[in-house]
Amino acid sequence: MQDITLANETHLDELARLFNLYRIFYEQEDDYEAAYAFIKKRIMNQESIIFLSCKGSNKYNGFVQLYPSFCSVSGIPILILYDLYVDKDQRGLSIGRSLMNQAKIFARDNGYKRLELSTAKDNLIGQSLYESLGYEQDNEFYHYSLEIEGD
């Protein structure tokens, strides 16, 4: 039996462990303290919605993080699905799918009109999951980013 839980401050240690592994997966330095500080701030300031997965034990094995936003053109509230991670030894057990489905249920139940996400071009496994859940690849717009350097 797999349980999906809305994360809160009591989950910080396990969530930070998973978030640190997620960052390492994306070739960032192993830094549990930075992961903990980042995730704690999101939860304490209610800046994101995070669901955790637990399957058959008290150890959490995956998470999805959502950021509330808006689509100005459509005039609707949306959620940006920014982070999805499943422990390496737990992949292939439909945990990612369950987390994605929980994100959709949360969006629907809370008045959000769309879920949006970006993924790496070489993340074929993720793309397959997203498309199997009805997500459509955007071929109309490019995604750009600008790094802001501090003083």
Protein backbone atom coordinates (compact mmCIF):
# COMPACT_ATOMS: atom_id res chain seq x y z
CA MET A 1 0.00 0.00 0.00
CA GLN A 2 1.35 3.39 -1.01
CA ASP A 3 0.47 6.49 1.01
CA ILE A 4 0.73 10.04 -0.30
CA THR A 5 1.03 12.72 2.38
CA LEU A 6 0.92 16.51 2.21
CA ALA A 7 4.29 17.56 3.63
CA ASN A 8 4.62 19.81 6.65
CA GLU A 9 7.39 20.81 9.07
CA THR A 10 7.34 17.34 10.72
CA HIS A 11 8.61 15.84 7.44
CA LEU A 12 11.60 18.16 7.00
CA ASP A 13 14.38 15.61 7.66
CA GLU A 14 13.11 13.02 5.17
CA LEU A 15 12.03 15.66 2.66
CA ALA A 16 15.45 17.33 2.81
CA ARG A 17 17.10 13.93 2.27
CA LEU A 18 15.01 13.36 -0.86
CA PHE A 19 15.44 16.95 -2.06
CA ASN A 20 19.21 16.65 -1.67
CA LEU A 21 19.18 13.45 -3.75
CA TYR A 22 17.02 15.21 -6.35
CA ARG A 23 19.57 18.03 -6.58
CA ILE A 24 22.43 15.52 -6.89
CA PHE A 25 20.49 13.83 -9.72
CA TYR A 26 20.60 17.22 -11.49
CA GLU A 27 24.39 17.38 -10.97
CA GLN A 28 24.42 19.72 -7.98
CA GLU A 29 26.80 19.27 -5.06
CA ASP A 30 25.74 17.02 -2.19
CA ASP A 31 24.59 19.59 0.38
CA TYR A 32 21.99 18.35 2.83
CA GLU A 33 22.09 21.59 4.86
CA ALA A 34 21.28 23.73 1.80
CA ALA A 35 18.52 21.32 0.78
CA TYR A 36 17.08 21.44 4.30
CA ALA A 37 17.19 25.24 4.45
CA PHE A 38 15.57 25.62 1.03
CA ILE A 39 12.77 23.14 1.65
CA LYS A 40 12.13 24.42 5.18
CA LYS A 41 11.68 27.95 3.86
CA ARG A 42 9.18 26.78 1.21
CA ILE A 43 7.10 24.95 3.83
CA MET A 44 7.29 27.54 6.60
CA ASN A 45 6.43 30.40 4.22
CA GLN A 46 3.73 28.32 2.50
CA GLU A 47 5.38 29.00 -0.86
CA SER A 48 4.95 25.52 -2.30
CA ILE A 49 2.83 22.42 -1.99
CA ILE A 50 4.78 19.21 -1.49
CA PHE A 51 3.46 15.67 -1.46
CA LEU A 52 5.54 12.77 -0.13
CA SER A 53 5.19 9.09 -0.97
CA CYS A 54 5.63 6.26 1.54
CA LYS A 55 5.24 2.64 0.51
CA GLY A 56 5.13 -0.03 3.17
CA SER A 57 7.50 1.60 5.67
CA ASN A 58 8.05 4.85 7.52
CA LYS A 59 10.74 5.88 5.04
CA TYR A 60 9.54 8.26 2.36
CA ASN A 61 10.59 7.36 -1.17
CA GLY A 62 9.52 10.25 -3.40
CA PHE A 63 8.07 13.72 -3.62
CA VAL A 64 6.46 16.20 -5.96
CA GLN A 65 6.71 19.97 -5.41
CA LEU A 66 4.19 22.44 -6.83
CA TYR A 67 4.35 26.23 -7.00
CA PRO A 68 1.15 28.28 -7.27
CA SER A 69 1.15 30.81 -10.10
CA PHE A 70 -1.14 32.38 -12.69
CA CYS A 71 -1.61 32.42 -16.44
CA SER A 72 -2.14 36.09 -17.29
CA VAL A 73 -3.37 35.43 -20.83
CA SER A 74 -6.06 32.98 -19.74
CA GLY A 75 -6.70 34.76 -16.44
CA ILE A 76 -6.52 31.53 -14.44
CA PRO A 77 -4.64 30.13 -11.44
CA ILE A 78 -2.15 27.40 -12.34
CA LEU A 79 0.31 25.14 -10.58
CA ILE A 80 3.86 24.71 -11.77
CA LEU A 81 5.05 21.17 -11.16
CA TYR A 82 8.71 21.95 -10.68
CA ASP A 83 10.15 18.93 -8.89
CA LEU A 84 9.41 15.21 -9.08
CA TYR A 85 11.77 12.68 -7.55
CA VAL A 86 11.65 9.00 -6.60
CA ASP A 87 14.45 7.17 -4.77
CA LYS A 88 16.61 5.31 -7.26
CA ASP A 89 15.87 1.88 -5.76
CA GLN A 90 12.09 2.57 -5.80
CA ARG A 91 11.72 3.54 -9.46
CA GLY A 92 9.45 1.47 -11.67
CA LEU A 93 6.90 0.95 -8.88
CA SER A 94 4.43 3.66 -10.08
CA ILE A 95 5.43 6.05 -7.29
CA GLY A 96 6.04 8.92 -9.74
CA ARG A 97 2.69 8.23 -11.38
CA SER A 98 0.95 8.26 -7.98
CA LEU A 99 2.60 11.56 -7.05
CA MET A 100 1.62 13.07 -10.41
CA ASN A 101 -1.97 11.91 -9.95
CA GLN A 102 -2.05 13.44 -6.45
CA ALA A 103 -0.85 16.74 -7.93
CA LYS A 104 -3.72 16.63 -10.43
CA ILE A 105 -6.28 15.85 -7.72
CA PHE A 106 -4.95 18.69 -5.56
CA ALA A 107 -5.09 21.11 -8.49
CA ARG A 108 -8.66 20.16 -9.36
CA ASP A 109 -9.88 20.26 -5.74
CA ASN A 110 -8.30 23.66 -5.10
CA GLY A 111 -9.47 25.57 -8.18
CA TYR A 112 -6.31 25.45 -10.27
CA LYS A 113 -7.05 25.22 -13.97
CA ARG A 114 -3.78 23.85 -15.30
CA LEU A 115 -0.60 22.03 -14.29
CA GLU A 116 2.58 22.98 -16.14
CA LEU A 117 6.03 21.43 -16.09
CA SER A 118 9.35 21.49 -17.89
CA THR A 119 11.74 18.59 -18.28
CA ALA A 120 15.12 17.92 -19.81
CA LYS A 121 15.12 16.98 -23.48
CA ASP A 122 16.92 13.73 -22.66
CA ASN A 123 14.52 12.74 -19.83
CA LEU A 124 12.72 10.19 -22.00
CA ILE A 125 11.39 8.22 -19.03
CA GLY A 126 9.84 11.36 -17.53
CA GLN A 127 8.41 12.41 -20.89
CA SER A 128 6.83 8.99 -21.31
CA LEU A 129 5.22 9.25 -17.86
CA TYR A 130 3.92 12.78 -18.48
CA GLU A 131 2.47 11.92 -21.87
CA SER A 132 0.83 8.75 -20.50
CA LEU A 133 -0.96 10.98 -17.98
CA GLY A 134 -2.30 13.31 -20.69
CA TYR A 135 0.31 16.08 -20.58
CA GLU A 136 0.96 17.61 -23.98
CA GLN A 137 4.32 18.82 -25.20
CA ASP A 138 4.30 22.53 -26.03
CA ASN A 139 5.60 23.04 -29.55
CA GLU A 140 4.48 26.66 -29.75
CA PHE A 141 6.69 28.39 -27.18
CA TYR A 142 10.36 28.31 -26.22
CA HIS A 143 11.46 28.28 -22.61
CA TYR A 144 14.10 30.89 -21.68
CA SER A 145 15.88 31.70 -18.44
CA LEU A 146 18.26 34.40 -17.26
CA GLU A 147 20.69 33.93 -14.41
CA ILE A 148 20.76 37.02 -12.16
CA GLU A 149 24.14 37.70 -10.66
CA GLY A 150 24.37 39.45 -7.30
CA ASP A 151 26.75 42.22 -6.36
